Amino acid sequence: MKVYTAVVERCPDTGLYVGYVPGLPGAHSQGKTLDELRENLREVIEMLLEDGEPGLESEFVGIQTIAVA
């Protein structure tokens, strides 16, 4: 089993959760709930993997907090 990290945001206009997997082209989706988004992303990743293991364009490292005065 392979595990991917997804970045998740909430759209202020639609209220939908939007997520993508950094470095994995085409791995993005949305959902009304976090559970729906997770399922949608899982399905998208499975479809992308049907053609073989894609090479990641980048690797998710983490997030940073930047303070600005």
PDB file of N, CA and C in Angstrom:
ATOM      1  N   MET A   1       0.844  -1.176   0.000  1.00  0.00           N
ATOM      2  CA  MET A   1       0.000   0.000   0.000  1.00  0.00           C
ATOM      3  C   MET A   1       0.888   1.238   0.000  1.00  0.00           C
ATOM      4  N   LYS A   2       0.612   2.146  -0.887  1.00  0.00           N
ATOM      5  CA  LYS A   2       1.348   3.406  -0.999  1.00  0.00           C
ATOM      6  C   LYS A   2       0.525   4.517  -0.354  1.00  0.00           C
ATOM      7  N   VAL A   3       1.175   5.422   0.338  1.00  0.00           N
ATOM      8  CA  VAL A   3       0.496   6.528   1.008  1.00  0.00           C
ATOM      9  C   VAL A   3       0.935   7.836   0.372  1.00  0.00           C
ATOM     10  N   TYR A   4      -0.025   8.677   0.055  1.00  0.00           N
ATOM     11  CA  TYR A   4       0.237   9.987  -0.537  1.00  0.00           C
ATOM     12  C   TYR A   4      -0.235  11.079   0.413  1.00  0.00           C
ATOM     13  N   THR A   5       0.431  12.208   0.391  1.00  0.00           N
ATOM     14  CA  THR A   5       0.049  13.362   1.203  1.00  0.00           C
ATOM     15  C   THR A   5      -0.731  14.339   0.339  1.00  0.00           C
ATOM     16  N   ALA A   6      -1.882  14.767   0.824  1.00  0.00           N
ATOM     17  CA  ALA A   6      -2.713  15.724   0.091  1.00  0.00           C
ATOM     18  C   ALA A   6      -2.757  17.055   0.840  1.00  0.00           C
ATOM     19  N   VAL A   7      -2.737  18.126   0.081  1.00  0.00           N
ATOM     20  CA  VAL A   7      -2.943  19.467   0.619  1.00  0.00           C
ATOM     21  C   VAL A   7      -4.428  19.763   0.476  1.00  0.00           C
ATOM     22  N   VAL A   8      -5.053  20.226   1.557  1.00  0.00           N
ATOM     23  CA  VAL A   8      -6.501  20.458   1.554  1.00  0.00           C
ATOM     24  C   VAL A   8      -6.784  21.907   1.938  1.00  0.00           C
ATOM     25  N   GLU A   9      -7.653  22.543   1.177  1.00  0.00           N
ATOM     26  CA  GLU A   9      -8.116  23.897   1.461  1.00  0.00           C
ATOM     27  C   GLU A   9      -9.627  23.919   1.337  1.00  0.00           C
ATOM     28  N   ARG A  10     -10.237  24.970   1.858  1.00  0.00           N
ATOM     29  CA  ARG A  10     -11.681  25.121   1.724  1.00  0.00           C
ATOM     30  C   ARG A  10     -11.949  26.377   0.911  1.00  0.00           C
ATOM     31  N   CYS A  11     -12.737  26.243  -0.145  1.00  0.00           N
ATOM     32  CA  CYS A  11     -13.060  27.366  -1.019  1.00  0.00           C
ATOM     33  C   CYS A  11     -14.077  28.272  -0.322  1.00  0.00           C
ATOM     34  N   PRO A  12     -13.751  29.548  -0.126  1.00  0.00           N
ATOM     35  CA  PRO A  12     -14.682  30.442   0.549  1.00  0.00           C
ATOM     36  C   PRO A  12     -15.939  30.739  -0.276  1.00  0.00           C
ATOM     37  N   ASP A  13     -15.850  30.617  -1.593  1.00  0.00           N
ATOM     38  CA  ASP A  13     -16.999  30.897  -2.456  1.00  0.00           C
ATOM     39  C   ASP A  13     -18.005  29.758  -2.482  1.00  0.00           C
ATOM     40  N   THR A  14     -17.508  28.512  -2.557  1.00  0.00           N
ATOM     41  CA  THR A  14     -18.405  27.361  -2.692  1.00  0.00           C
ATOM     42  C   THR A  14     -18.575  26.574  -1.400  1.00  0.00           C
ATOM     43  N   GLY A  15     -17.633  26.736  -0.473  1.00  0.00           N
ATOM     44  CA  GLY A  15     -17.656  25.946   0.758  1.00  0.00           C
ATOM     45  C   GLY A  15     -17.134  24.535   0.563  1.00  0.00           C
ATOM     46  N   LEU A  16     -16.691  24.201  -0.649  1.00  0.00           N
ATOM     47  CA  LEU A  16     -16.183  22.862  -0.936  1.00  0.00           C
ATOM     48  C   LEU A  16     -14.744  22.713  -0.450  1.00  0.00           C
ATOM     49  N   TYR A  17     -14.393  21.493  -0.060  1.00  0.00           N
ATOM     50  CA  TYR A  17     -13.010  21.171   0.250  1.00  0.00           C
ATOM     51  C   TYR A  17     -12.319  20.820  -1.058  1.00  0.00           C
ATOM     52  N   VAL A  18     -11.141  21.372  -1.252  1.00  0.00           N
ATOM     53  CA  VAL A  18     -10.369  21.165  -2.475  1.00  0.00           C
ATOM     54  C   VAL A  18      -9.031  20.592  -2.061  1.00  0.00           C
ATOM     55  N   GLY A  19      -8.613  19.531  -2.735  1.00  0.00           N
ATOM     56  CA  GLY A  19      -7.354  18.911  -2.373  1.00  0.00           C
ATOM     57  C   GLY A  19      -6.544  18.496  -3.582  1.00  0.00           C
ATOM     58  N   TYR A  20      -5.224  18.438  -3.378  1.00  0.00           N
ATOM     59  CA  TYR A  20      -4.338  17.958  -4.431  1.00  0.00           C
ATOM     60  C   TYR A  20      -3.133  17.287  -3.796  1.00  0.00           C
ATOM     61  N   VAL A  21      -2.492  16.420  -4.568  1.00  0.00           N
ATOM     62  CA  VAL A  21      -1.288  15.737  -4.116  1.00  0.00           C
ATOM     63  C   VAL A  21      -0.098  16.426  -4.776  1.00  0.00           C
ATOM     64  N   PRO A  22       0.736  17.113  -3.971  1.00  0.00           N
ATOM     65  CA  PRO A  22       1.885  17.808  -4.542  1.00  0.00           C
ATOM     66  C   PRO A  22       2.795  16.857  -5.314  1.00  0.00           C
ATOM     67  N   GLY A  23       3.183  17.292  -6.497  1.00  0.00           N
ATOM     68  CA  GLY A  23       4.119  16.515  -7.301  1.00  0.00           C
ATOM     69  C   GLY A  23       3.496  15.416  -8.128  1.00  0.00           C
ATOM     70  N   LEU A  24       2.188  15.178  -7.998  1.00  0.00           N
ATOM     71  CA  LEU A  24       1.522  14.124  -8.756  1.00  0.00           C
ATOM     72  C   LEU A  24       0.527  14.787  -9.717  1.00  0.00           C
ATOM     73  N   PRO A  25       0.942  15.050 -10.942  1.00  0.00           N
ATOM     74  CA  PRO A  25       0.086  15.764 -11.894  1.00  0.00           C
ATOM     75  C   PRO A  25      -1.267  15.082 -12.069  1.00  0.00           C
ATOM     76  N   GLY A  26      -2.319  15.879 -12.025  1.00  0.00           N
ATOM     77  CA  GLY A  26      -3.668  15.368 -12.228  1.00  0.00           C
ATOM     78  C   GLY A  26      -4.342  14.876 -10.960  1.00  0.00           C
ATOM     79  N   ALA A  27      -3.601  14.819  -9.854  1.00  0.00           N
ATOM     80  CA  ALA A  27      -4.173  14.306  -8.605  1.00  0.00           C
ATOM     81  C   ALA A  27      -4.790  15.454  -7.813  1.00  0.00           C
ATOM     82  N   HIS A  28      -5.998  15.837  -8.212  1.00  0.00           N
ATOM     83  CA  HIS A  28      -6.719  16.897  -7.514  1.00  0.00           C
ATOM     84  C   HIS A  28      -8.210  16.605  -7.601  1.00  0.00           C
ATOM     85  N   SER A  29      -8.952  17.074  -6.603  1.00  0.00           N
ATOM     86  CA  SER A  29     -10.395  16.852  -6.583  1.00  0.00           C
ATOM     87  C   SER A  29     -11.023  17.792  -5.562  1.00  0.00           C
ATOM     88  N   GLN A  30     -12.327  17.619  -5.379  1.00  0.00           N
ATOM     89  CA  GLN A  30     -13.056  18.412  -4.391  1.00  0.00           C
ATOM     90  C   GLN A  30     -14.172  17.568  -3.799  1.00  0.00           C
ATOM     91  N   GLY A  31     -14.741  18.045  -2.687  1.00  0.00           N
ATOM     92  CA  GLY A  31     -15.847  17.331  -2.054  1.00  0.00           C
ATOM     93  C   GLY A  31     -16.568  18.222  -1.064  1.00  0.00           C
ATOM     94  N   LYS A  32     -17.813  17.859  -0.769  1.00  0.00           N
ATOM     95  CA  LYS A  32     -18.611  18.622   0.190  1.00  0.00           C
ATOM     96  C   LYS A  32     -18.132  18.397   1.621  1.00  0.00           C
ATOM     97  N   THR A  33     -17.567  17.213   1.879  1.00  0.00           N
ATOM     98  CA  THR A  33     -17.036  16.883   3.204  1.00  0.00           C
ATOM     99  C   THR A  33     -15.604  16.394   3.041  1.00  0.00           C
ATOM    100  N   LEU A  34     -14.874  16.345   4.150  1.00  0.00           N
ATOM    101  CA  LEU A  34     -13.511  15.819   4.087  1.00  0.00           C
ATOM    102  C   LEU A  34     -13.503  14.347   3.691  1.00  0.00           C
ATOM    103  N   ASP A  35     -14.489  13.597   4.157  1.00  0.00           N
ATOM    104  CA  ASP A  35     -14.585  12.183   3.773  1.00  0.00           C
ATOM    105  C   ASP A  35     -14.820  12.033   2.278  1.00  0.00           C
ATOM    106  N   GLU A  36     -15.700  12.866   1.722  1.00  0.00           N
ATOM    107  CA  GLU A  36     -15.970  12.812   0.281  1.00  0.00           C
ATOM    108  C   GLU A  36     -14.724  13.199  -0.502  1.00  0.00           C
ATOM    109  N   LEU A  37     -14.017  14.223  -0.046  1.00  0.00           N
ATOM    110  CA  LEU A  37     -12.780  14.635  -0.722  1.00  0.00           C
ATOM    111  C   LEU A  37     -11.760  13.509  -0.688  1.00  0.00           C
ATOM    112  N   ARG A  38     -11.569  12.880   0.468  1.00  0.00           N
ATOM    113  CA  ARG A  38     -10.599  11.784   0.590  1.00  0.00           C
ATOM    114  C   ARG A  38     -10.932  10.648  -0.370  1.00  0.00           C
ATOM    115  N   GLU A  39     -12.217  10.286  -0.462  1.00  0.00           N
ATOM    116  CA  GLU A  39     -12.632   9.226  -1.374  1.00  0.00           C
ATOM    117  C   GLU A  39     -12.404   9.632  -2.826  1.00  0.00           C
ATOM    118  N   ASN A  40     -12.738  10.866  -3.162  1.00  0.00           N
ATOM    119  CA  ASN A  40     -12.531  11.355  -4.532  1.00  0.00           C
ATOM    120  C   ASN A  40     -11.053  11.358  -4.902  1.00  0.00           C
ATOM    121  N   LEU A  41     -10.195  11.802  -3.976  1.00  0.00           N
ATOM    122  CA  LEU A  41      -8.758  11.790  -4.250  1.00  0.00           C
ATOM    123  C   LEU A  41      -8.240  10.366  -4.397  1.00  0.00           C
ATOM    124  N   ARG A  42      -8.727   9.458  -3.561  1.00  0.00           N
ATOM    125  CA  ARG A  42      -8.306   8.053  -3.670  1.00  0.00           C
ATOM    126  C   ARG A  42      -8.638   7.497  -5.045  1.00  0.00           C
ATOM    127  N   GLU A  43      -9.852   7.790  -5.534  1.00  0.00           N
ATOM    128  CA  GLU A  43     -10.265   7.313  -6.853  1.00  0.00           C
ATOM    129  C   GLU A  43      -9.399   7.910  -7.960  1.00  0.00           C
ATOM    130  N   VAL A  44      -9.090   9.197  -7.852  1.00  0.00           N
ATOM    131  CA  VAL A  44      -8.254   9.853  -8.863  1.00  0.00           C
ATOM    132  C   VAL A  44      -6.863   9.228  -8.875  1.00  0.00           C
ATOM    133  N   ILE A  45      -6.287   9.016  -7.696  1.00  0.00           N
ATOM    134  CA  ILE A  45      -4.949   8.424  -7.620  1.00  0.00           C
ATOM    135  C   ILE A  45      -4.959   7.007  -8.192  1.00  0.00           C
ATOM    136  N   GLU A  46      -5.996   6.225  -7.873  1.00  0.00           N
ATOM    137  CA  GLU A  46      -6.094   4.869  -8.429  1.00  0.00           C
ATOM    138  C   GLU A  46      -6.136   4.907  -9.956  1.00  0.00           C
ATOM    139  N   MET A  47      -6.879   5.857 -10.526  1.00  0.00           N
ATOM    140  CA  MET A  47      -6.935   5.977 -11.992  1.00  0.00           C
ATOM    141  C   MET A  47      -5.566   6.339 -12.557  1.00  0.00           C
ATOM    142  N   LEU A  48      -4.863   7.249 -11.898  1.00  0.00           N
ATOM    143  CA  LEU A  48      -3.530   7.633 -12.369  1.00  0.00           C
ATOM    144  C   LEU A  48      -2.553   6.466 -12.294  1.00  0.00           C
ATOM    145  N   LEU A  49      -2.735   5.581 -11.309  1.00  0.00           N
ATOM    146  CA  LEU A  49      -1.829   4.449 -11.135  1.00  0.00           C
ATOM    147  C   LEU A  49      -2.113   3.297 -12.094  1.00  0.00           C
ATOM    148  N   GLU A  50      -3.259   3.333 -12.791  1.00  0.00           N
ATOM    149  CA  GLU A  50      -3.599   2.260 -13.729  1.00  0.00           C
ATOM    150  C   GLU A  50      -2.562   2.112 -14.835  1.00  0.00           C
ATOM    151  N   ASP A  51      -1.908   3.210 -15.181  1.00  0.00           N
ATOM    152  CA  ASP A  51      -0.893   3.176 -16.231  1.00  0.00           C
ATOM    153  C   ASP A  51       0.502   2.930 -15.673  1.00  0.00           C
ATOM    154  N   GLY A  52       0.596   2.541 -14.422  1.00  0.00           N
ATOM    155  CA  GLY A  52       1.880   2.306 -13.781  1.00  0.00           C
ATOM    156  C   GLY A  52       2.185   3.400 -12.779  1.00  0.00           C
ATOM    157  N   GLU A  53       3.177   3.166 -11.992  1.00  0.00           N
ATOM    158  CA  GLU A  53       3.577   4.109 -10.949  1.00  0.00           C
ATOM    159  C   GLU A  53       4.163   5.375 -11.584  1.00  0.00           C
ATOM    160  N   PRO A  54       3.495   6.505 -11.407  1.00  0.00           N
ATOM    161  CA  PRO A  54       4.030   7.745 -11.994  1.00  0.00           C
ATOM    162  C   PRO A  54       5.214   8.247 -11.178  1.00  0.00           C
ATOM    163  N   GLY A  55       6.141   8.893 -11.847  1.00  0.00           N
ATOM    164  CA  GLY A  55       7.247   9.518 -11.134  1.00  0.00           C
ATOM    165  C   GLY A  55       6.767  10.829 -10.538  1.00  0.00           C
ATOM    166  N   LEU A  56       7.021  11.014  -9.261  1.00  0.00           N
ATOM    167  CA  LEU A  56       6.620  12.257  -8.620  1.00  0.00           C
ATOM    168  C   LEU A  56       7.493  13.393  -9.138  1.00  0.00           C
ATOM    169  N   GLU A  57       6.860  14.535  -9.430  1.00  0.00           N
ATOM    170  CA  GLU A  57       7.602  15.698  -9.904  1.00  0.00           C
ATOM    171  C   GLU A  57       8.304  16.404  -8.748  1.00  0.00           C
ATOM    172  N   SER A  58       7.781  16.238  -7.547  1.00  0.00           N
ATOM    173  CA  SER A  58       8.383  16.824  -6.353  1.00  0.00           C
ATOM    174  C   SER A  58       7.949  16.002  -5.159  1.00  0.00           C
ATOM    175  N   GLU A  59       8.550  16.272  -4.016  1.00  0.00           N
ATOM    176  CA  GLU A  59       8.214  15.550  -2.794  1.00  0.00           C
ATOM    177  C   GLU A  59       7.696  16.539  -1.758  1.00  0.00           C
ATOM    178  N   PHE A  60       6.535  16.252  -1.152  1.00  0.00           N
ATOM    179  CA  PHE A  60       5.983  17.119  -0.119  1.00  0.00           C
ATOM    180  C   PHE A  60       6.906  17.069   1.093  1.00  0.00           C
ATOM    181  N   VAL A  61       7.289  18.242   1.566  1.00  0.00           N
ATOM    182  CA  VAL A  61       8.204  18.314   2.699  1.00  0.00           C
ATOM    183  C   VAL A  61       7.480  18.770   3.954  1.00  0.00           C
ATOM    184  N   GLY A  62       6.621  19.744   3.837  1.00  0.00           N
ATOM    185  CA  GLY A  62       5.917  20.239   5.007  1.00  0.00           C
ATOM    186  C   GLY A  62       5.386  21.645   4.774  1.00  0.00           C
ATOM    187  N   ILE A  63       4.990  22.288   5.852  1.00  0.00           N
ATOM    188  CA  ILE A  63       4.481  23.652   5.748  1.00  0.00           C
ATOM    189  C   ILE A  63       5.345  24.556   6.627  1.00  0.00           C
ATOM    190  N   GLN A  64       5.321  25.823   6.344  1.00  0.00           N
ATOM    191  CA  GLN A  64       6.059  26.818   7.096  1.00  0.00           C
ATOM    192  C   GLN A  64       5.113  27.927   7.513  1.00  0.00           C
ATOM    193  N   THR A  65       5.322  28.470   8.686  1.00  0.00           N
ATOM    194  CA  THR A  65       4.589  29.645   9.138  1.00  0.00           C
ATOM    195  C   THR A  65       5.501  30.845   8.964  1.00  0.00           C
ATOM    196  N   ILE A  66       5.030  31.859   8.242  1.00  0.00           N
ATOM    197  CA  ILE A  66       5.818  33.043   7.959  1.00  0.00           C
ATOM    198  C   ILE A  66       5.172  34.238   8.634  1.00  0.00           C
ATOM    199  N   ALA A  67       5.889  34.909   9.497  1.00  0.00           N
ATOM    200  CA  ALA A  67       5.370  36.099  10.186  1.00  0.00           C
ATOM    201  C   ALA A  67       5.776  37.336   9.383  1.00  0.00           C
ATOM    202  N   VAL A  68       4.802  38.220   9.161  1.00  0.00           N
ATOM    203  CA  VAL A  68       5.055  39.462   8.431  1.00  0.00           C
ATOM    204  C   VAL A  68       4.543  40.610   9.282  1.00  0.00           C
ATOM    205  N   ALA A  69       5.382  41.607   9.479  1.00  0.00           N
ATOM    206  CA  ALA A  69       4.985  42.757  10.315  1.00  0.00           C
ATOM    207  C   ALA A  69       4.117  43.727   9.541  1.00  0.00           C
TER     208      ALA A  69
END
